[in-house]
Amino acid sequence: MADTICPGTNRIGFAVFAVSHGFPARPMTRLVSCLLLLCAMSLPVSAWAGESASRQVLVLGRVSDDPKRHAEALQPMLDYVVPRLRQVGIREGRILMARDSLQMQSYLRRQRVDWVSDTAVMAVEYRRRVGAELLLVTERGGGLDYHTVFFTWRGSGITSLQDLKGRGIAFQNPYSTSSYVMPAAEMLRAGLELDVLLSPLDRAAPGRVGYVFARSESNVSTWVQKRLLDAGAFSSLDWERLGKRLPQAQADMEIFHETASVSRAIEVIAPDLDPRVREQLRKVLLEADKDPAAHEALGRFFDTRRFVPLDAHTERGLNRLRADLDLVRERLE
């Protein structure tokens, strides 16, 4: 069973606390126990047992604002993988949550996380900033690749990116590949000037495009359908799901521009991971879709269908995405 560690938790401290408070103690015993507790709590997480050196524990990381929900998604996959890594010394699996991508980069750099499943834009960042290795491409939510679709409400008069001048567009969040980085870069390359809006009710300056983060795909489409904003941008997979879930809402809107495709998700491993563990993990994941025992774990793992190797097509998409990220950072952040 996988353990879950939230940012800031030091499990040595909790372990000593439990032992030192499990029976009546005399004053001197209490003093010694308290000193041991304080010493343990001052240790970094990587010092709890020599697990980084022995590689008996595989740590799966996730950037999360909802640790409980994401732990429920990660744990079945970790429980499936760990027994199949025993031949390379893995005996236990744990989950470590990060509050943002910068903290996850720190975990990867300091050997606290071995494996991360994330979006393509985050994978690009992990490889560039900490030397992480991109292990496999993940087919998730209906496809290996996806692209961004720009859409508007019918009758808005918007037929191209240039028509967005003086109008507002909704993105999902600043970490989204398909609903921020890719569409923002596409607009910048088209010569558009972008400004962040205070809210959906705010208005763009003449000749410029205003954007606001809606926080979810459903908010992006709803704000456009309700005419709070003139346009929205999210993944082609989200557009397909909208048509199945709310066909009438989709019928009220139309796509006016699309970007090139990029991988939906990437499995990333820490640069220091034991090569034997890396290769066995790769083998287990590649074969998981053919194993009936993995069916539930894959489904819970963010609706994963299978894992496939990276190829030239994948790398071309990631190189474009890296250029998109650089452009957005230079011009908007």
C-alpha atoms as a PDB file:
ATOM      1  CA  MET A   1       0.000   0.000   0.000  1.00  0.00           C
ATOM      2  CA  ALA A   2       1.393   3.423  -0.926  1.00  0.00           C
ATOM      3  CA  ASP A   3       2.011   6.071   1.710  1.00  0.00           C
ATOM      4  CA  THR A   4       1.173   9.694   0.980  1.00  0.00           C
ATOM      5  CA  ILE A   5       3.387  12.551   2.058  1.00  0.00           C
ATOM      6  CA  CYS A   6       2.152  16.117   1.767  1.00  0.00           C
ATOM      7  CA  PRO A   7       4.607  19.041   1.519  1.00  0.00           C
ATOM      8  CA  GLY A   8       6.153  19.877   4.871  1.00  0.00           C
ATOM      9  CA  THR A   9       5.524  16.472   6.474  1.00  0.00           C
ATOM     10  CA  ASN A  10       8.478  14.825   8.239  1.00  0.00           C
ATOM     11  CA  ARG A  11       7.677  11.213   8.963  1.00  0.00           C
ATOM     12  CA  ILE A  12      10.661  10.594  11.238  1.00  0.00           C
ATOM     13  CA  GLY A  13       9.329  13.198  13.601  1.00  0.00           C
ATOM     14  CA  PHE A  14       5.898  11.577  13.665  1.00  0.00           C
ATOM     15  CA  ALA A  15       7.395   8.102  14.181  1.00  0.00           C
ATOM     16  CA  VAL A  16       9.475   9.163  17.164  1.00  0.00           C
ATOM     17  CA  PHE A  17       6.514  11.056  18.567  1.00  0.00           C
ATOM     18  CA  ALA A  18       4.360   7.913  18.384  1.00  0.00           C
ATOM     19  CA  VAL A  19       6.961   5.738  20.083  1.00  0.00           C
ATOM     20  CA  SER A  20       7.876   8.230  22.740  1.00  0.00           C
ATOM     21  CA  HIS A  21       4.219   8.782  23.655  1.00  0.00           C
ATOM     22  CA  GLY A  22       3.094   5.156  23.557  1.00  0.00           C
ATOM     23  CA  PHE A  23       3.720   4.405  27.272  1.00  0.00           C
ATOM     24  CA  PRO A  24       4.032   6.253  30.625  1.00  0.00           C
ATOM     25  CA  ALA A  25       7.452   7.852  30.987  1.00  0.00           C
ATOM     26  CA  ARG A  26       9.471   9.242  33.854  1.00  0.00           C
ATOM     27  CA  PRO A  27      10.724  12.852  33.620  1.00  0.00           C
ATOM     28  CA  MET A  28      14.191  11.881  32.353  1.00  0.00           C
ATOM     29  CA  THR A  29      12.670   9.515  29.796  1.00  0.00           C
ATOM     30  CA  ARG A  30      10.359  12.283  28.641  1.00  0.00           C
ATOM     31  CA  LEU A  31      13.318  14.643  28.268  1.00  0.00           C
ATOM     32  CA  VAL A  32      15.301  12.147  26.189  1.00  0.00           C
ATOM     33  CA  SER A  33      12.243  11.407  24.038  1.00  0.00           C
ATOM     34  CA  CYS A  34      11.645  15.089  23.403  1.00  0.00           C
ATOM     35  CA  LEU A  35      15.286  15.597  22.430  1.00  0.00           C
ATOM     36  CA  LEU A  36      15.080  12.664  20.027  1.00  0.00           C
ATOM     37  CA  LEU A  37      11.882  14.096  18.573  1.00  0.00           C
ATOM     38  CA  LEU A  38      13.448  17.511  18.030  1.00  0.00           C
ATOM     39  CA  CYS A  39      16.504  15.985  16.362  1.00  0.00           C
ATOM     40  CA  ALA A  40      14.356  13.835  14.109  1.00  0.00           C
ATOM     41  CA  MET A  41      12.132  16.727  13.079  1.00  0.00           C
ATOM     42  CA  SER A  42      15.211  18.716  12.041  1.00  0.00           C
ATOM     43  CA  LEU A  43      16.240  16.027   9.566  1.00  0.00           C
ATOM     44  CA  PRO A  44      15.271  16.377   5.891  1.00  0.00           C
ATOM     45  CA  VAL A  45      12.822  13.862   4.459  1.00  0.00           C
ATOM     46  CA  SER A  46      15.630  12.210   2.465  1.00  0.00           C
ATOM     47  CA  ALA A  47      17.376  11.281   5.705  1.00  0.00           C
ATOM     48  CA  TRP A  48      14.669   9.087   7.186  1.00  0.00           C
ATOM     49  CA  ALA A  49      16.330   5.777   6.206  1.00  0.00           C
ATOM     50  CA  GLY A  50      18.916   5.231   3.491  1.00  0.00           C
ATOM     51  CA  GLU A  51      16.179   4.594   0.991  1.00  0.00           C
ATOM     52  CA  SER A  52      17.614   6.892  -1.659  1.00  0.00           C
ATOM     53  CA  ALA A  53      20.807   4.861  -1.656  1.00  0.00           C
ATOM     54  CA  SER A  54      19.226   1.428  -1.421  1.00  0.00           C
ATOM     55  CA  ARG A  55      16.369   2.267  -3.806  1.00  0.00           C
ATOM     56  CA  GLN A  56      14.008   0.017  -1.908  1.00  0.00           C
ATOM     57  CA  VAL A  57      11.288   2.677  -2.094  1.00  0.00           C
ATOM     58  CA  LEU A  58       9.821   4.055  -5.326  1.00  0.00           C
ATOM     59  CA  VAL A  59       8.411   7.562  -4.837  1.00  0.00           C
ATOM     60  CA  LEU A  60       5.728   8.747  -7.262  1.00  0.00           C
ATOM     61  CA  GLY A  61       5.242  12.526  -7.297  1.00  0.00           C
ATOM     62  CA  ARG A  62       2.380  14.781  -8.267  1.00  0.00           C
ATOM     63  CA  VAL A  63       1.829  18.542  -8.374  1.00  0.00           C
ATOM     64  CA  SER A  64      -1.503  18.882  -6.626  1.00  0.00           C
ATOM     65  CA  ASP A  65      -3.973  21.315  -5.113  1.00  0.00           C
ATOM     66  CA  ASP A  66      -6.119  18.343  -4.044  1.00  0.00           C
ATOM     67  CA  PRO A  67      -3.798  15.718  -2.463  1.00  0.00           C
ATOM     68  CA  LYS A  68      -6.559  13.379  -1.320  1.00  0.00           C
ATOM     69  CA  ARG A  69      -8.176  13.110  -4.751  1.00  0.00           C
ATOM     70  CA  HIS A  70      -4.876  12.721  -6.546  1.00  0.00           C
ATOM     71  CA  ALA A  71      -3.597  10.135  -4.055  1.00  0.00           C
ATOM     72  CA  GLU A  72      -6.671   8.049  -4.838  1.00  0.00           C
ATOM     73  CA  ALA A  73      -5.728   8.236  -8.524  1.00  0.00           C
ATOM     74  CA  LEU A  74      -2.020   7.466  -8.030  1.00  0.00           C
ATOM     75  CA  GLN A  75      -2.152   4.742  -5.403  1.00  0.00           C
ATOM     76  CA  PRO A  76      -3.636   1.902  -7.521  1.00  0.00           C
ATOM     77  CA  MET A  77      -0.962   2.404 -10.197  1.00  0.00           C
ATOM     78  CA  LEU A  78       1.796   2.461  -7.604  1.00  0.00           C
ATOM     79  CA  ASP A  79       0.386  -0.657  -5.963  1.00  0.00           C
ATOM     80  CA  TYR A  80       0.371  -2.371  -9.361  1.00  0.00           C
ATOM     81  CA  VAL A  81       3.926  -1.348 -10.270  1.00  0.00           C
ATOM     82  CA  VAL A  82       5.800  -1.960  -6.993  1.00  0.00           C
ATOM     83  CA  PRO A  83       5.424  -5.785  -6.811  1.00  0.00           C
ATOM     84  CA  ARG A  84       6.694  -5.977 -10.385  1.00  0.00           C
ATOM     85  CA  LEU A  85       9.866  -4.099  -9.430  1.00  0.00           C
ATOM     86  CA  ARG A  86      10.922  -6.490  -6.668  1.00  0.00           C
ATOM     87  CA  GLN A  87      13.527  -8.094  -8.903  1.00  0.00           C
ATOM     88  CA  VAL A  88      15.371  -4.751  -9.002  1.00  0.00           C
ATOM     89  CA  GLY A  89      15.142  -4.168  -5.249  1.00  0.00           C
ATOM     90  CA  ILE A  90      11.943  -2.108  -4.879  1.00  0.00           C
ATOM     91  CA  ARG A  91       9.937  -3.157  -1.812  1.00  0.00           C
ATOM     92  CA  GLU A  92       7.643  -0.196  -1.179  1.00  0.00           C
ATOM     93  CA  GLY A  93       5.874   2.650  -2.949  1.00  0.00           C
ATOM     94  CA  ARG A  94       5.140   6.132  -1.650  1.00  0.00           C
ATOM     95  CA  ILE A  95       3.437   9.248  -2.990  1.00  0.00           C
ATOM     96  CA  LEU A  96       4.860  12.736  -2.501  1.00  0.00           C
ATOM     97  CA  MET A  97       2.733  15.770  -3.351  1.00  0.00           C
ATOM     98  CA  ALA A  98       4.169  19.123  -4.420  1.00  0.00           C
ATOM     99  CA  ARG A  99       2.283  22.398  -4.248  1.00  0.00           C
ATOM    100  CA  ASP A 100       3.658  23.610  -7.616  1.00  0.00           C
ATOM    101  CA  SER A 101       6.123  22.774 -10.385  1.00  0.00           C
ATOM    102  CA  LEU A 102       9.003  24.567  -8.678  1.00  0.00           C
ATOM    103  CA  GLN A 103       8.657  22.391  -5.595  1.00  0.00           C
ATOM    104  CA  MET A 104       8.491  19.272  -7.782  1.00  0.00           C
ATOM    105  CA  GLN A 105      11.682  20.351  -9.537  1.00  0.00           C
ATOM    106  CA  SER A 106      13.301  20.619  -6.121  1.00  0.00           C
ATOM    107  CA  TYR A 107      12.097  17.118  -5.197  1.00  0.00           C
ATOM    108  CA  LEU A 108      13.524  15.683  -8.422  1.00  0.00           C
ATOM    109  CA  ARG A 109      16.818  17.517  -7.986  1.00  0.00           C
ATOM    110  CA  ARG A 110      17.211  16.381  -4.360  1.00  0.00           C
ATOM    111  CA  GLN A 111      16.292  12.739  -5.032  1.00  0.00           C
ATOM    112  CA  ARG A 112      13.014  12.827  -3.121  1.00  0.00           C
ATOM    113  CA  VAL A 113      10.880  11.835  -6.110  1.00  0.00           C
ATOM    114  CA  ASP A 114      11.679   9.089  -8.623  1.00  0.00           C
ATOM    115  CA  TRP A 115       8.747   9.248 -11.020  1.00  0.00           C
ATOM    116  CA  VAL A 116       6.308  11.977 -12.062  1.00  0.00           C
ATOM    117  CA  SER A 117       3.371  11.760 -14.458  1.00  0.00           C
ATOM    118  CA  ASP A 118       2.636  15.200 -15.859  1.00  0.00           C
ATOM    119  CA  THR A 119       1.684  17.314 -18.846  1.00  0.00           C
ATOM    120  CA  ALA A 120       4.033  17.873 -21.760  1.00  0.00           C
ATOM    121  CA  VAL A 121       4.866  21.438 -20.749  1.00  0.00           C
ATOM    122  CA  MET A 122       5.854  20.347 -17.240  1.00  0.00           C
ATOM    123  CA  ALA A 123       7.906  17.475 -18.670  1.00  0.00           C
ATOM    124  CA  VAL A 124       9.801  19.979 -20.813  1.00  0.00           C
ATOM    125  CA  GLU A 125      10.510  22.033 -17.700  1.00  0.00           C
ATOM    126  CA  TYR A 126      11.676  19.055 -15.635  1.00  0.00           C
ATOM    127  CA  ARG A 127      14.064  17.963 -18.383  1.00  0.00           C
ATOM    128  CA  ARG A 128      15.462  21.424 -18.940  1.00  0.00           C
ATOM    129  CA  ARG A 129      15.816  22.507 -15.321  1.00  0.00           C
ATOM    130  CA  VAL A 130      16.810  19.337 -13.459  1.00  0.00           C
ATOM    131  CA  GLY A 131      17.933  16.960 -16.196  1.00  0.00           C
ATOM    132  CA  ALA A 132      14.972  14.619 -15.698  1.00  0.00           C
ATOM    133  CA  GLU A 133      14.495  11.844 -18.257  1.00  0.00           C
ATOM    134  CA  LEU A 134      11.324  11.531 -20.306  1.00  0.00           C
ATOM    135  CA  LEU A 135      10.484   7.842 -20.051  1.00  0.00           C
ATOM    136  CA  LEU A 136       7.246   7.247 -21.964  1.00  0.00           C
ATOM    137  CA  VAL A 137       4.316   9.007 -23.622  1.00  0.00           C
ATOM    138  CA  THR A 138       0.937   8.428 -21.950  1.00  0.00           C
ATOM    139  CA  GLU A 139      -2.284   7.888 -23.840  1.00  0.00           C
ATOM    140  CA  ARG A 140      -4.759   9.559 -21.561  1.00  0.00           C
ATOM    141  CA  GLY A 141      -8.323  10.779 -21.849  1.00  0.00           C
ATOM    142  CA  GLY A 142      -8.797   9.466 -25.373  1.00  0.00           C
ATOM    143  CA  GLY A 143      -5.547  10.187 -27.186  1.00  0.00           C
ATOM    144  CA  LEU A 144      -1.760  10.226 -27.297  1.00  0.00           C
ATOM    145  CA  ASP A 145      -1.687  13.712 -28.821  1.00  0.00           C
ATOM    146  CA  TYR A 146      -3.915  16.713 -28.622  1.00  0.00           C
ATOM    147  CA  HIS A 147      -3.943  20.286 -29.856  1.00  0.00           C
ATOM    148  CA  THR A 148      -5.540  23.566 -28.867  1.00  0.00           C
ATOM    149  CA  VAL A 149      -8.827  24.704 -30.333  1.00  0.00           C
ATOM    150  CA  PHE A 150      -9.875  28.368 -30.243  1.00  0.00           C
ATOM    151  CA  PHE A 151     -13.648  28.755 -30.149  1.00  0.00           C
ATOM    152  CA  THR A 152     -16.232  31.504 -29.909  1.00  0.00           C
ATOM    153  CA  TRP A 153     -19.995  31.852 -29.645  1.00  0.00           C
ATOM    154  CA  ARG A 154     -21.871  31.704 -32.916  1.00  0.00           C
ATOM    155  CA  GLY A 155     -22.517  35.145 -34.305  1.00  0.00           C
ATOM    156  CA  SER A 156     -19.561  36.795 -32.548  1.00  0.00           C
ATOM    157  CA  GLY A 157     -17.986  37.792 -35.869  1.00  0.00           C
ATOM    158  CA  ILE A 158     -14.666  36.156 -34.921  1.00  0.00           C
ATOM    159  CA  THR A 159     -13.212  34.069 -37.750  1.00  0.00           C
ATOM    160  CA  SER A 160      -9.450  34.409 -37.128  1.00  0.00           C
ATOM    161  CA  LEU A 161      -6.949  35.254 -34.414  1.00  0.00           C
ATOM    162  CA  GLN A 162      -6.744  38.841 -35.686  1.00  0.00           C
ATOM    163  CA  ASP A 163     -10.433  39.294 -34.884  1.00  0.00           C
ATOM    164  CA  LEU A 164      -9.581  38.905 -31.185  1.00  0.00           C
ATOM    165  CA  LYS A 165      -8.182  42.453 -30.990  1.00  0.00           C
ATOM    166  CA  GLY A 166     -10.141  44.440 -28.427  1.00  0.00           C
ATOM    167  CA  ARG A 167     -11.768  41.259 -27.090  1.00  0.00           C
ATOM    168  CA  GLY A 168     -11.290  38.773 -24.263  1.00  0.00           C
ATOM    169  CA  ILE A 169     -10.318  35.098 -24.193  1.00  0.00           C
ATOM    170  CA  ALA A 170     -10.478  32.486 -21.414  1.00  0.00           C
ATOM    171  CA  PHE A 171      -7.597  30.134 -20.594  1.00  0.00           C
ATOM    172  CA  GLN A 172      -7.620  27.446 -17.912  1.00  0.00           C
ATOM    173  CA  ASN A 173      -4.568  28.148 -15.711  1.00  0.00           C
ATOM    174  CA  PRO A 174      -0.901  29.230 -16.014  1.00  0.00           C
ATOM    175  CA  TYR A 175       0.320  25.592 -15.926  1.00  0.00           C
ATOM    176  CA  SER A 176      -1.867  24.324 -18.757  1.00  0.00           C
ATOM    177  CA  THR A 177      -0.190  23.145 -21.947  1.00  0.00           C
ATOM    178  CA  SER A 178      -3.237  23.330 -24.200  1.00  0.00           C
ATOM    179  CA  SER A 179      -5.162  26.067 -22.413  1.00  0.00           C
ATOM    180  CA  TYR A 180      -2.435  28.648 -21.875  1.00  0.00           C
ATOM    181  CA  VAL A 181       1.091  28.010 -23.150  1.00  0.00           C
ATOM    182  CA  MET A 182       0.201  26.801 -26.659  1.00  0.00           C
ATOM    183  CA  PRO A 183      -2.636  29.260 -27.404  1.00  0.00           C
ATOM    184  CA  ALA A 184      -0.836  32.247 -25.880  1.00  0.00           C
ATOM    185  CA  ALA A 185       2.290  31.503 -27.945  1.00  0.00           C
ATOM    186  CA  GLU A 186       0.147  31.069 -31.077  1.00  0.00           C
ATOM    187  CA  MET A 187      -1.387  34.486 -30.526  1.00  0.00           C
ATOM    188  CA  LEU A 188       1.941  36.164 -29.817  1.00  0.00           C
ATOM    189  CA  ARG A 189       3.417  34.741 -33.022  1.00  0.00           C
ATOM    190  CA  ALA A 190       0.420  36.123 -34.888  1.00  0.00           C
ATOM    191  CA  GLY A 191       1.465  39.590 -33.721  1.00  0.00           C
ATOM    192  CA  LEU A 192      -1.194  40.028 -31.045  1.00  0.00           C
ATOM    193  CA  GLU A 193      -0.515  41.912 -27.821  1.00  0.00           C
ATOM    194  CA  LEU A 194      -1.961  40.293 -24.684  1.00  0.00           C
ATOM    195  CA  ASP A 195      -2.929  41.726 -21.303  1.00  0.00           C
ATOM    196  CA  VAL A 196      -4.271  39.835 -18.281  1.00  0.00           C
ATOM    197  CA  LEU A 197      -7.783  40.885 -17.256  1.00  0.00           C
ATOM    198  CA  LEU A 198      -8.993  41.381 -13.691  1.00  0.00           C
ATOM    199  CA  SER A 199     -12.109  39.247 -14.261  1.00  0.00           C
ATOM    200  CA  PRO A 200     -14.381  37.997 -17.060  1.00  0.00           C
ATOM    201  CA  LEU A 201     -16.229  41.303 -16.791  1.00  0.00           C
ATOM    202  CA  ASP A 202     -13.085  43.343 -17.443  1.00  0.00           C
ATOM    203  CA  ARG A 203     -12.526  44.659 -20.954  1.00  0.00           C
ATOM    204  CA  ALA A 204      -9.469  44.565 -23.200  1.00  0.00           C
ATOM    205  CA  ALA A 205      -7.748  47.732 -24.351  1.00  0.00           C
ATOM    206  CA  PRO A 206      -8.400  48.739 -27.985  1.00  0.00           C
ATOM    207  CA  GLY A 207      -6.166  46.822 -30.372  1.00  0.00           C
ATOM    208  CA  ARG A 208      -5.051  44.352 -27.701  1.00  0.00           C
ATOM    209  CA  VAL A 209      -6.371  41.008 -26.451  1.00  0.00           C
ATOM    210  CA  GLY A 210      -7.363  40.460 -22.826  1.00  0.00           C
ATOM    211  CA  TYR A 211      -7.117  37.065 -21.180  1.00  0.00           C
ATOM    212  CA  VAL A 212      -8.312  35.617 -17.900  1.00  0.00           C
ATOM    213  CA  PHE A 213      -7.791  32.252 -16.169  1.00  0.00           C
ATOM    214  CA  ALA A 214     -11.033  30.346 -15.659  1.00  0.00           C
ATOM    215  CA  ARG A 215      -9.447  27.558 -13.523  1.00  0.00           C
ATOM    216  CA  SER A 216     -11.374  24.723 -15.228  1.00  0.00           C
ATOM    217  CA  GLU A 217     -12.322  23.574 -18.719  1.00  0.00           C
ATOM    218  CA  SER A 218     -16.013  23.806 -17.869  1.00  0.00           C
ATOM    219  CA  ASN A 219     -15.620  27.454 -16.832  1.00  0.00           C
ATOM    220  CA  VAL A 220     -13.807  28.234 -20.082  1.00  0.00           C
ATOM    221  CA  SER A 221     -16.680  26.924 -22.216  1.00  0.00           C
ATOM    222  CA  THR A 222     -19.422  28.307 -19.944  1.00  0.00           C
ATOM    223  CA  TRP A 223     -17.984  31.824 -19.940  1.00  0.00           C
ATOM    224  CA  VAL A 224     -17.888  31.810 -23.736  1.00  0.00           C
ATOM    225  CA  GLN A 225     -21.350  30.317 -24.126  1.00  0.00           C
ATOM    226  CA  LYS A 226     -22.772  32.902 -21.695  1.00  0.00           C
ATOM    227  CA  ARG A 227     -21.028  35.713 -23.653  1.00  0.00           C
ATOM    228  CA  LEU A 228     -18.949  36.754 -20.657  1.00  0.00           C
ATOM    229  CA  LEU A 229     -15.924  36.434 -22.941  1.00  0.00           C
ATOM    230  CA  ASP A 230     -15.663  36.376 -26.711  1.00  0.00           C
ATOM    231  CA  ALA A 231     -13.433  33.314 -27.017  1.00  0.00           C
ATOM    232  CA  GLY A 232     -11.924  30.378 -25.197  1.00  0.00           C
ATOM    233  CA  ALA A 233      -9.060  27.992 -25.820  1.00  0.00           C
ATOM    234  CA  PHE A 234      -8.534  24.473 -24.554  1.00  0.00           C
ATOM    235  CA  SER A 235      -7.605  21.022 -25.831  1.00  0.00           C
ATOM    236  CA  SER A 236      -9.235  19.191 -28.717  1.00  0.00           C
ATOM    237  CA  LEU A 237     -10.020  16.389 -26.242  1.00  0.00           C
ATOM    238  CA  ASP A 238     -11.927  18.839 -24.038  1.00  0.00           C
ATOM    239  CA  TRP A 239     -13.865  19.984 -27.087  1.00  0.00           C
ATOM    240  CA  GLU A 240     -14.807  16.376 -27.878  1.00  0.00           C
ATOM    241  CA  ARG A 241     -15.879  15.771 -24.264  1.00  0.00           C
ATOM    242  CA  LEU A 242     -17.986  18.937 -24.331  1.00  0.00           C
ATOM    243  CA  GLY A 243     -19.841  17.621 -27.383  1.00  0.00           C
ATOM    244  CA  LYS A 244     -20.660  14.380 -25.585  1.00  0.00           C
ATOM    245  CA  ARG A 245     -21.535  15.957 -22.256  1.00  0.00           C
ATOM    246  CA  LEU A 246     -23.323  19.133 -23.392  1.00  0.00           C
ATOM    247  CA  PRO A 247     -24.072  18.845 -27.117  1.00  0.00           C
ATOM    248  CA  GLN A 248     -26.400  21.864 -27.146  1.00  0.00           C
ATOM    249  CA  ALA A 249     -23.787  24.054 -25.474  1.00  0.00           C
ATOM    250  CA  GLN A 250     -21.219  23.011 -28.074  1.00  0.00           C
ATOM    251  CA  ALA A 251     -23.723  23.675 -30.869  1.00  0.00           C
ATOM    252  CA  ASP A 252     -23.916  27.294 -29.673  1.00  0.00           C
ATOM    253  CA  MET A 253     -20.181  27.718 -30.312  1.00  0.00           C
ATOM    254  CA  GLU A 254     -17.730  27.192 -33.165  1.00  0.00           C
ATOM    255  CA  ILE A 255     -13.980  26.653 -33.646  1.00  0.00           C
ATOM    256  CA  PHE A 256     -12.133  29.376 -35.558  1.00  0.00           C
ATOM    257  CA  HIS A 257      -8.476  28.342 -35.144  1.00  0.00           C
ATOM    258  CA  GLU A 258      -6.389  25.278 -34.180  1.00  0.00           C
ATOM    259  CA  THR A 259      -2.727  24.710 -33.270  1.00  0.00           C
ATOM    260  CA  ALA A 260      -0.279  21.892 -34.047  1.00  0.00           C
ATOM    261  CA  SER A 261      -0.386  18.782 -31.839  1.00  0.00           C
ATOM    262  CA  VAL A 262       1.725  17.772 -28.843  1.00  0.00           C
ATOM    263  CA  SER A 263       1.828  14.732 -26.543  1.00  0.00           C
ATOM    264  CA  ARG A 264      -1.016  14.581 -24.025  1.00  0.00           C
ATOM    265  CA  ALA A 265       1.094  13.465 -21.040  1.00  0.00           C
ATOM    266  CA  ILE A 266       4.615  12.250 -20.286  1.00  0.00           C
ATOM    267  CA  GLU A 267       6.041   9.904 -17.655  1.00  0.00           C
ATOM    268  CA  VAL A 268       9.161  11.538 -16.200  1.00  0.00           C
ATOM    269  CA  ILE A 269      11.864   9.993 -14.022  1.00  0.00           C
ATOM    270  CA  ALA A 270      14.544  11.574 -11.846  1.00  0.00           C
ATOM    271  CA  PRO A 271      18.018  11.842 -13.403  1.00  0.00           C
ATOM    272  CA  ASP A 272      19.595   9.763 -10.608  1.00  0.00           C
ATOM    273  CA  LEU A 273      17.189   6.792 -10.767  1.00  0.00           C
ATOM    274  CA  ASP A 274      18.961   3.424 -10.781  1.00  0.00           C
ATOM    275  CA  PRO A 275      19.136   2.268 -14.438  1.00  0.00           C
ATOM    276  CA  ARG A 276      17.847  -1.172 -13.431  1.00  0.00           C
ATOM    277  CA  VAL A 277      14.771   0.381 -11.810  1.00  0.00           C
ATOM    278  CA  ARG A 278      14.284   2.705 -14.764  1.00  0.00           C
ATOM    279  CA  GLU A 279      14.335  -0.107 -17.319  1.00  0.00           C
ATOM    280  CA  GLN A 280      12.076  -2.391 -15.294  1.00  0.00           C
ATOM    281  CA  LEU A 281       9.597   0.439 -14.689  1.00  0.00           C
ATOM    282  CA  ARG A 282       9.617   1.173 -18.404  1.00  0.00           C
ATOM    283  CA  LYS A 283       8.970  -2.491 -19.201  1.00  0.00           C
ATOM    284  CA  VAL A 284       6.129  -2.797 -16.684  1.00  0.00           C
ATOM    285  CA  LEU A 285       4.384   0.343 -17.941  1.00  0.00           C
ATOM    286  CA  LEU A 286       4.751  -0.609 -21.610  1.00  0.00           C
ATOM    287  CA  GLU A 287       3.114  -3.979 -20.954  1.00  0.00           C
ATOM    288  CA  ALA A 288       0.405  -2.741 -18.563  1.00  0.00           C
ATOM    289  CA  ASP A 289      -2.339  -2.321 -21.159  1.00  0.00           C
ATOM    290  CA  LYS A 290      -2.034  -6.031 -22.031  1.00  0.00           C
ATOM    291  CA  ASP A 291      -2.358  -7.141 -18.400  1.00  0.00           C
ATOM    292  CA  PRO A 292      -5.936  -7.561 -17.073  1.00  0.00           C
ATOM    293  CA  ALA A 293      -4.621  -6.952 -13.553  1.00  0.00           C
ATOM    294  CA  ALA A 294      -3.673  -3.403 -14.580  1.00  0.00           C
ATOM    295  CA  HIS A 295      -7.081  -2.448 -15.964  1.00  0.00           C
ATOM    296  CA  GLU A 296      -8.427  -0.711 -12.856  1.00  0.00           C
ATOM    297  CA  ALA A 297      -5.097   0.939 -12.021  1.00  0.00           C
ATOM    298  CA  LEU A 298      -4.845   2.400 -15.534  1.00  0.00           C
ATOM    299  CA  GLY A 299      -8.386   3.726 -15.411  1.00  0.00           C
ATOM    300  CA  ARG A 300      -7.845   5.372 -12.045  1.00  0.00           C
ATOM    301  CA  PHE A 301      -4.519   6.806 -13.268  1.00  0.00           C
ATOM    302  CA  PHE A 302      -6.230   9.823 -14.871  1.00  0.00           C
ATOM    303  CA  ASP A 303      -8.006   7.661 -17.442  1.00  0.00           C
ATOM    304  CA  THR A 304      -4.792   6.226 -18.884  1.00  0.00           C
ATOM    305  CA  ARG A 305      -5.141   3.733 -21.742  1.00  0.00           C
ATOM    306  CA  ARG A 306      -1.525   2.786 -22.391  1.00  0.00           C
ATOM    307  CA  PHE A 307       2.104   3.935 -22.445  1.00  0.00           C
ATOM    308  CA  VAL A 308       4.231   4.151 -25.594  1.00  0.00           C
ATOM    309  CA  PRO A 309       7.885   5.045 -26.343  1.00  0.00           C
ATOM    310  CA  LEU A 310       8.915   8.543 -27.342  1.00  0.00           C
ATOM    311  CA  ASP A 311       9.704   8.927 -31.032  1.00  0.00           C
ATOM    312  CA  ALA A 312      10.774  11.637 -33.500  1.00  0.00           C
ATOM    313  CA  HIS A 313       7.211  12.952 -33.724  1.00  0.00           C
ATOM    314  CA  THR A 314       7.082  13.312 -29.941  1.00  0.00           C
ATOM    315  CA  GLU A 315      10.387  15.177 -29.831  1.00  0.00           C
ATOM    316  CA  ARG A 316       9.353  17.575 -32.583  1.00  0.00           C
ATOM    317  CA  GLY A 317       6.226  18.438 -30.633  1.00  0.00           C
ATOM    318  CA  LEU A 318       8.193  18.926 -27.407  1.00  0.00           C
ATOM    319  CA  ASN A 319      10.718  21.175 -29.180  1.00  0.00           C
ATOM    320  CA  ARG A 320       7.871  23.364 -30.449  1.00  0.00           C
ATOM    321  CA  LEU A 321       6.404  23.414 -26.978  1.00  0.00           C
ATOM    322  CA  ARG A 322       9.721  24.471 -25.459  1.00  0.00           C
ATOM    323  CA  ALA A 323       9.842  27.397 -27.897  1.00  0.00           C
ATOM    324  CA  ASP A 324       6.231  28.256 -26.989  1.00  0.00           C
ATOM    325  CA  LEU A 325       7.092  28.255 -23.303  1.00  0.00           C
ATOM    326  CA  ASP A 326      10.111  30.505 -23.829  1.00  0.00           C
ATOM    327  CA  LEU A 327       8.036  32.973 -25.824  1.00  0.00           C
ATOM    328  CA  VAL A 328       5.230  33.123 -23.254  1.00  0.00           C
ATOM    329  CA  ARG A 329       7.684  33.622 -20.410  1.00  0.00           C
ATOM    330  CA  GLU A 330       9.535  36.364 -22.250  1.00  0.00           C
ATOM    331  CA  ARG A 331       6.442  38.300 -23.278  1.00  0.00           C
ATOM    332  CA  LEU A 332       3.823  37.636 -20.581  1.00  0.00           C
ATOM    333  CA  GLU A 333       5.508  36.560 -17.354  1.00  0.00           C
END
